[in-house]
């Protein structure tokens, strides 16, 4: 952190006056490994603890996945959000990828219609290549994925993160 200050006077260093305002954004799942020098007063203005998504947040995350994939009519976002208590955003992403893989493997004759967009074709990120057909993800595909996917954040880790937040004054989200 001291290297960002002008007082050192060495050529090529970024000074407070030159930089104007310095923002540092970092994330970790091992807060105990943060060097205590970073936590001294005046170093970081704010520590923010971002916990696991609650049921509404999980529903919002799943809804974004639903926009990118084809879901059968019997697939409800609210129901799936309820079934995924303790899942992180990454865990939900893993779940949906596994459900899609299960759909591809389980439905040998692809259950997708012809056409573009949500009706069965994935965007190629703006390229002019042909769209890739997406399988229809059914309840059975998600249930199969749920049998193999688990929340990866243990209760012990959550307790450790919460204790760290209380000790260092990080705000909760």
Protein backbone atom coordinates (compact mmCIF):
# COMPACT_ATOMS: atom_id res chain seq x y z
CA UNK A 1 0.00 0.00 0.00
CA UNK A 2 2.83 2.40 0.80
CA UNK A 3 4.08 1.98 -2.78
CA UNK A 4 1.00 3.88 -3.93
CA UNK A 5 2.03 6.96 -1.96
CA UNK A 6 4.08 9.83 -3.40
CA UNK A 7 6.30 10.24 -0.30
CA UNK A 8 8.66 7.54 -1.48
CA UNK A 9 9.64 9.83 -4.33
CA UNK A 10 10.93 7.13 -6.64
CA UNK A 11 10.47 7.54 -10.38
CA UNK A 12 7.57 5.68 -11.93
CA UNK A 13 5.60 5.26 -8.72
CA UNK A 14 1.97 6.11 -8.69
CA UNK A 15 1.47 9.01 -6.30
CA UNK A 16 -1.65 10.08 -4.44
CA UNK A 17 -1.73 13.31 -6.42
CA UNK A 18 -1.18 11.58 -9.74
CA UNK A 19 -3.68 8.82 -9.06
CA UNK A 20 -6.26 11.09 -7.45
CA UNK A 21 -8.27 8.23 -6.02
CA UNK A 22 -7.26 4.62 -5.69
CA UNK A 23 -9.85 1.88 -5.43
CA UNK A 24 -8.97 -1.64 -4.48
CA UNK A 25 -11.53 -4.38 -4.83
CA UNK A 26 -10.61 -7.86 -3.75
CA UNK A 27 -12.42 -11.07 -2.88
CA UNK A 28 -11.32 -14.09 -0.92
CA UNK A 29 -12.69 -17.23 0.61
CA UNK A 30 -9.75 -17.27 3.03
CA UNK A 31 -9.98 -13.95 4.92
CA UNK A 32 -7.70 -15.24 7.67
CA UNK A 33 -4.87 -15.23 5.10
CA UNK A 34 -5.09 -11.44 4.57
CA UNK A 35 -1.93 -9.75 5.82
CA UNK A 36 -2.77 -7.71 8.93
CA UNK A 37 -0.95 -4.70 7.42
CA UNK A 38 -3.81 -4.34 4.97
CA UNK A 39 -6.28 -4.15 7.84
CA UNK A 40 -4.62 -1.27 9.70
CA UNK A 41 -6.68 1.92 10.01
CA UNK A 42 -6.51 4.10 6.91
CA UNK A 43 -5.62 1.27 4.56
CA UNK A 44 -9.05 0.07 3.54
CA UNK A 45 -12.12 2.16 4.19
CA UNK A 46 -14.54 -0.71 4.09
CA UNK A 47 -14.70 -4.46 4.32
CA UNK A 48 -17.82 -5.96 2.83
CA UNK A 49 -18.99 -9.44 3.66
CA UNK A 50 -21.11 -10.93 0.90
CA UNK A 51 -22.83 -14.01 2.21
CA UNK A 52 -24.64 -16.74 0.38
CA UNK A 53 -27.67 -15.76 -1.66
CA UNK A 54 -31.02 -16.00 0.11
CA UNK A 55 -34.02 -17.65 -1.54
CA UNK A 56 -34.99 -14.53 -3.53
CA UNK A 57 -31.40 -14.01 -4.67
CA UNK A 58 -31.18 -17.66 -5.75
CA UNK A 59 -34.44 -17.23 -7.68
CA UNK A 60 -32.98 -14.17 -9.42
CA UNK A 61 -29.78 -16.05 -10.29
CA UNK A 62 -31.76 -19.02 -11.60
CA UNK A 63 -33.98 -16.69 -13.58
CA UNK A 64 -30.86 -15.39 -15.36
CA UNK A 65 -29.91 -18.97 -16.18
CA UNK A 66 -33.43 -19.60 -17.45
CA UNK A 67 -32.97 -16.69 -19.88
CA UNK A 68 -29.88 -18.43 -21.28
CA UNK A 69 -31.31 -21.95 -21.40
CA UNK A 70 -34.55 -23.59 -22.43
CA UNK A 71 -36.62 -24.75 -19.47
CA UNK A 72 -39.68 -26.95 -19.65
CA UNK A 73 -42.94 -25.38 -18.48
CA UNK A 74 -42.97 -27.54 -15.34
CA UNK A 75 -39.69 -26.00 -14.13
CA UNK A 76 -40.39 -23.33 -11.55
CA UNK A 77 -37.69 -20.90 -10.45
CA UNK A 78 -39.21 -20.39 -6.99
CA UNK A 79 -39.39 -24.13 -6.32
CA UNK A 80 -35.80 -24.67 -7.42
CA UNK A 81 -34.60 -21.71 -5.34
CA UNK A 82 -36.26 -23.32 -2.33
CA UNK A 83 -34.49 -26.64 -3.02
CA UNK A 84 -31.06 -25.04 -3.25
CA UNK A 85 -30.70 -23.58 0.25
CA UNK A 86 -27.01 -22.95 0.99
CA UNK A 87 -25.98 -22.87 -2.70
CA UNK A 88 -23.66 -20.09 -3.84
CA UNK A 89 -23.96 -18.47 -7.26
CA UNK A 90 -21.19 -20.77 -8.49
CA UNK A 91 -23.02 -23.79 -7.08
CA UNK A 92 -26.18 -22.76 -8.97
CA UNK A 93 -24.18 -22.33 -12.18
CA UNK A 94 -22.73 -25.81 -11.71
CA UNK A 95 -26.22 -27.21 -11.09
CA UNK A 96 -27.60 -25.71 -14.30
CA UNK A 97 -24.65 -26.90 -16.38
CA UNK A 98 -25.07 -30.41 -15.03
CA UNK A 99 -28.80 -30.29 -15.72
CA UNK A 100 -28.05 -29.27 -19.32
CA UNK A 101 -25.53 -32.10 -19.69
CA UNK A 102 -28.06 -34.54 -18.27
CA UNK A 103 -30.64 -33.27 -20.77
CA UNK A 104 -28.22 -33.79 -23.65
CA UNK A 105 -27.35 -37.32 -22.53
CA UNK A 106 -30.86 -38.41 -21.53
CA UNK A 107 -32.75 -37.17 -24.56
CA UNK A 108 -31.10 -38.92 -27.46
CA UNK A 109 -33.54 -37.40 -29.94
CA UNK A 110 -33.10 -33.72 -29.12
CA UNK A 111 -36.26 -32.11 -27.71
CA UNK A 112 -35.68 -28.71 -29.27
CA UNK A 113 -37.67 -26.92 -31.95
CA UNK A 114 -36.20 -25.11 -34.94
CA UNK A 115 -35.73 -21.37 -34.77
CA UNK A 116 -33.69 -18.79 -32.92
CA UNK A 117 -33.31 -17.34 -29.44
CA UNK A 118 -35.17 -18.94 -26.51
CA UNK A 119 -36.87 -21.43 -28.77
CA UNK A 120 -33.81 -23.61 -29.07
CA UNK A 121 -30.73 -21.84 -30.29
CA UNK A 122 -27.90 -20.25 -28.36
CA UNK A 123 -26.28 -17.03 -29.34
CA UNK A 124 -22.71 -17.32 -30.56
CA UNK A 125 -21.63 -14.14 -28.81
CA UNK A 126 -22.37 -11.95 -31.80
CA UNK A 127 -20.48 -14.08 -34.30
CA UNK A 128 -21.94 -14.90 -37.68
CA UNK A 129 -21.60 -18.66 -37.13
CA UNK A 130 -24.69 -20.85 -37.03
CA UNK A 131 -26.48 -21.04 -33.69
CA UNK A 132 -26.04 -24.12 -31.52
CA UNK A 133 -29.27 -25.90 -30.57
CA UNK A 134 -30.02 -26.13 -26.86
CA UNK A 135 -31.78 -29.06 -25.22
CA UNK A 136 -34.99 -28.58 -23.30
CA UNK A 137 -34.16 -28.85 -19.60
CA UNK A 138 -36.86 -30.75 -17.80
CA UNK A 139 -37.62 -31.24 -14.12
CA UNK A 140 -36.06 -34.72 -14.28
CA UNK A 141 -32.78 -33.23 -15.57
CA UNK A 142 -32.57 -30.76 -12.70
CA UNK A 143 -33.51 -33.41 -10.15
CA UNK A 144 -30.76 -35.66 -11.52
CA UNK A 145 -28.29 -32.78 -11.24
CA UNK A 146 -29.46 -32.06 -7.68
CA UNK A 147 -28.59 -35.63 -6.72
CA UNK A 148 -24.94 -34.98 -7.57
CA UNK A 149 -24.56 -31.25 -6.82
CA UNK A 150 -24.17 -30.00 -3.28
CA UNK A 151 -23.61 -26.65 -1.67
CA UNK A 152 -19.85 -26.18 -1.45
CA UNK A 153 -19.74 -23.73 1.45
CA UNK A 154 -19.74 -25.67 4.70
CA UNK A 155 -21.52 -24.44 7.83
CA UNK A 156 -18.07 -24.27 9.48
CA UNK A 157 -16.83 -21.94 6.72
CA UNK A 158 -19.92 -19.76 7.06
CA UNK A 159 -19.32 -19.50 10.81
CA UNK A 160 -15.67 -18.62 10.20
CA UNK A 161 -16.62 -15.89 7.69
CA UNK A 162 -19.24 -14.45 10.04
CA UNK A 163 -16.75 -14.38 12.94
CA UNK A 164 -14.21 -12.64 10.73
CA UNK A 165 -16.83 -10.07 9.69
CA UNK A 166 -17.70 -9.34 13.32
CA UNK A 167 -14.03 -9.07 14.33
CA UNK A 168 -13.01 -6.75 11.50
CA UNK A 169 -16.25 -4.79 11.20
CA UNK A 170 -17.12 -5.74 7.65
CA UNK A 171 -20.63 -4.81 6.69
CA UNK A 172 -23.02 -7.62 5.79
CA UNK A 173 -24.95 -7.71 2.55
